[in-house]
Amino acid sequence: MFWTEILTALALVLIIEGMVPFVGPAKYRQIVAQMAQLSDNHLRTVGLVIMIAGLLLLFIVRG
């Protein structure tokens, strides 16, 4: 059961990540180009904020 939940979560991440370039490929390309210009520390900070937001959402939904 544990692996089923992990694979389900991974499948949902892939679906959501794939929606953005599918719906707006030009805007997605522009966003990726802007992200490529950011410093490593800035990207790490953005990644950390996204992870914390995901964790908080997970605790709210599952709690």
N, C-alpha and C. Protein backbone atom coordinates (compact mmCIF):
# COMPACT_ATOMS: atom_id res chain seq x y z
N MET A 1 0.82 -1.19 0.00
CA MET A 1 0.00 0.00 0.00
C MET A 1 0.87 1.26 0.00
N PHE A 2 2.00 1.22 0.68
CA PHE A 2 2.89 2.37 0.76
C PHE A 2 3.40 2.74 -0.61
N TRP A 3 3.84 1.77 -1.40
CA TRP A 3 4.36 2.05 -2.75
C TRP A 3 3.28 2.57 -3.67
N THR A 4 2.06 2.11 -3.47
CA THR A 4 0.95 2.58 -4.29
C THR A 4 0.74 4.08 -4.09
N GLU A 5 0.82 4.53 -2.84
CA GLU A 5 0.64 5.95 -2.56
C GLU A 5 1.79 6.78 -3.14
N ILE A 6 3.01 6.28 -3.03
CA ILE A 6 4.16 7.00 -3.58
C ILE A 6 4.06 7.10 -5.09
N LEU A 7 3.73 6.00 -5.74
CA LEU A 7 3.61 6.01 -7.20
C LEU A 7 2.44 6.86 -7.66
N THR A 8 1.35 6.90 -6.88
CA THR A 8 0.23 7.77 -7.19
C THR A 8 0.65 9.23 -7.10
N ALA A 9 1.38 9.58 -6.04
CA ALA A 9 1.87 10.95 -5.88
C ALA A 9 2.81 11.33 -7.02
N LEU A 10 3.69 10.42 -7.39
CA LEU A 10 4.62 10.68 -8.49
C LEU A 10 3.87 10.87 -9.81
N ALA A 11 2.86 10.05 -10.03
CA ALA A 11 2.05 10.18 -11.25
C ALA A 11 1.35 11.54 -11.29
N LEU A 12 0.82 11.99 -10.16
CA LEU A 12 0.16 13.29 -10.12
C LEU A 12 1.14 14.43 -10.37
N VAL A 13 2.35 14.31 -9.83
CA VAL A 13 3.38 15.33 -10.08
C VAL A 13 3.69 15.39 -11.57
N LEU A 14 3.86 14.25 -12.20
CA LEU A 14 4.17 14.21 -13.63
C LEU A 14 3.03 14.80 -14.46
N ILE A 15 1.80 14.52 -14.08
CA ILE A 15 0.64 15.05 -14.80
C ILE A 15 0.61 16.57 -14.68
N ILE A 16 0.78 17.07 -13.46
CA ILE A 16 0.73 18.52 -13.23
C ILE A 16 1.90 19.21 -13.92
N GLU A 17 3.09 18.64 -13.82
CA GLU A 17 4.27 19.23 -14.48
C GLU A 17 4.11 19.22 -15.99
N GLY A 18 3.45 18.24 -16.54
CA GLY A 18 3.26 18.16 -17.98
C GLY A 18 2.18 19.08 -18.51
N MET A 19 1.27 19.50 -17.63
CA MET A 19 0.18 20.38 -18.05
C MET A 19 0.69 21.75 -18.48
N VAL A 20 1.68 22.27 -17.77
CA VAL A 20 2.15 23.63 -18.04
C VAL A 20 2.71 23.77 -19.45
N PRO A 21 3.68 22.94 -19.87
CA PRO A 21 4.17 23.10 -21.26
C PRO A 21 3.13 22.69 -22.30
N PHE A 22 2.20 21.82 -21.95
CA PHE A 22 1.16 21.42 -22.90
C PHE A 22 0.19 22.56 -23.18
N VAL A 23 -0.22 23.27 -22.12
CA VAL A 23 -1.20 24.33 -22.25
C VAL A 23 -0.60 25.60 -22.85
N GLY A 24 0.61 25.96 -22.40
CA GLY A 24 1.23 27.20 -22.88
C GLY A 24 2.70 27.02 -23.14
N PRO A 25 3.07 26.40 -24.25
CA PRO A 25 4.49 26.12 -24.50
C PRO A 25 5.36 27.37 -24.63
N ALA A 26 4.82 28.43 -25.21
CA ALA A 26 5.61 29.66 -25.36
C ALA A 26 5.88 30.30 -24.00
N LYS A 27 4.86 30.36 -23.16
CA LYS A 27 5.03 30.94 -21.82
C LYS A 27 5.97 30.06 -20.99
N TYR A 28 5.84 28.75 -21.13
CA TYR A 28 6.72 27.83 -20.41
C TYR A 28 8.18 28.05 -20.82
N ARG A 29 8.43 28.21 -22.10
CA ARG A 29 9.78 28.45 -22.59
C ARG A 29 10.33 29.76 -22.02
N GLN A 30 9.48 30.77 -21.95
CA GLN A 30 9.88 32.07 -21.39
C GLN A 30 10.22 31.94 -19.90
N ILE A 31 9.42 31.22 -19.16
CA ILE A 31 9.67 31.04 -17.73
C ILE A 31 10.97 30.27 -17.50
N VAL A 32 11.20 29.23 -18.28
CA VAL A 32 12.43 28.44 -18.14
C VAL A 32 13.65 29.30 -18.46
N ALA A 33 13.54 30.16 -19.48
CA ALA A 33 14.65 31.04 -19.83
C ALA A 33 14.94 32.03 -18.70
N GLN A 34 13.89 32.53 -18.06
CA GLN A 34 14.08 33.44 -16.93
C GLN A 34 14.71 32.72 -15.75
N MET A 35 14.30 31.49 -15.51
CA MET A 35 14.85 30.72 -14.39
C MET A 35 16.33 30.41 -14.62
N ALA A 36 16.72 30.21 -15.88
CA ALA A 36 18.11 29.91 -16.20
C ALA A 36 19.03 31.08 -15.87
N GLN A 37 18.47 32.27 -15.80
CA GLN A 37 19.28 33.45 -15.49
C GLN A 37 19.42 33.70 -13.99
N LEU A 38 18.67 32.99 -13.18
CA LEU A 38 18.73 33.18 -11.72
C LEU A 38 20.00 32.54 -11.16
N SER A 39 20.46 33.08 -10.04
CA SER A 39 21.63 32.50 -9.38
C SER A 39 21.24 31.18 -8.70
N ASP A 40 22.25 30.38 -8.37
CA ASP A 40 22.01 29.10 -7.70
C ASP A 40 21.30 29.30 -6.36
N ASN A 41 21.73 30.30 -5.61
CA ASN A 41 21.12 30.53 -4.30
C ASN A 41 19.65 30.93 -4.43
N HIS A 42 19.35 31.72 -5.44
CA HIS A 42 17.95 32.13 -5.65
C HIS A 42 17.11 30.92 -6.03
N LEU A 43 17.62 30.07 -6.91
CA LEU A 43 16.88 28.85 -7.28
C LEU A 43 16.68 27.93 -6.09
N ARG A 44 17.70 27.82 -5.24
CA ARG A 44 17.57 27.00 -4.02
C ARG A 44 16.47 27.56 -3.12
N THR A 45 16.43 28.88 -2.99
CA THR A 45 15.42 29.51 -2.15
C THR A 45 14.02 29.25 -2.71
N VAL A 46 13.87 29.39 -4.01
CA VAL A 46 12.59 29.12 -4.64
C VAL A 46 12.19 27.65 -4.42
N GLY A 47 13.14 26.74 -4.60
CA GLY A 47 12.87 25.32 -4.38
C GLY A 47 12.46 25.04 -2.94
N LEU A 48 13.14 25.68 -2.00
CA LEU A 48 12.81 25.48 -0.58
C LEU A 48 11.41 25.99 -0.27
N VAL A 49 11.06 27.15 -0.79
CA VAL A 49 9.72 27.71 -0.56
C VAL A 49 8.65 26.78 -1.15
N ILE A 50 8.91 26.25 -2.34
CA ILE A 50 7.94 25.34 -2.96
C ILE A 50 7.80 24.06 -2.14
N MET A 51 8.91 23.52 -1.65
CA MET A 51 8.85 22.31 -0.83
C MET A 51 8.09 22.56 0.46
N ILE A 52 8.33 23.69 1.11
CA ILE A 52 7.62 24.01 2.36
C ILE A 52 6.13 24.18 2.10
N ALA A 53 5.78 24.85 1.00
CA ALA A 53 4.37 25.01 0.65
C ALA A 53 3.72 23.65 0.41
N GLY A 54 4.42 22.77 -0.29
CA GLY A 54 3.90 21.42 -0.52
C GLY A 54 3.74 20.64 0.77
N LEU A 55 4.70 20.77 1.67
CA LEU A 55 4.61 20.09 2.96
C LEU A 55 3.44 20.59 3.78
N LEU A 56 3.26 21.91 3.81
CA LEU A 56 2.14 22.48 4.55
C LEU A 56 0.80 22.02 3.95
N LEU A 57 0.71 22.01 2.63
CA LEU A 57 -0.50 21.53 1.98
C LEU A 57 -0.76 20.06 2.31
N LEU A 58 0.31 19.27 2.30
CA LEU A 58 0.18 17.86 2.65
C LEU A 58 -0.33 17.67 4.07
N PHE A 59 0.22 18.43 5.02
CA PHE A 59 -0.24 18.34 6.41
C PHE A 59 -1.69 18.78 6.56
N ILE A 60 -2.08 19.80 5.81
CA ILE A 60 -3.47 20.26 5.89
C ILE A 60 -4.42 19.21 5.32
N VAL A 61 -4.06 18.66 4.16
CA VAL A 61 -4.93 17.69 3.51
C VAL A 61 -4.97 16.38 4.27
N ARG A 62 -3.82 15.91 4.72
CA ARG A 62 -3.75 14.59 5.38
C ARG A 62 -3.97 14.65 6.88
N GLY A 63 -3.92 15.87 7.45
CA GLY A 63 -4.00 16.01 8.90
C GLY A 63 -5.39 16.01 9.39
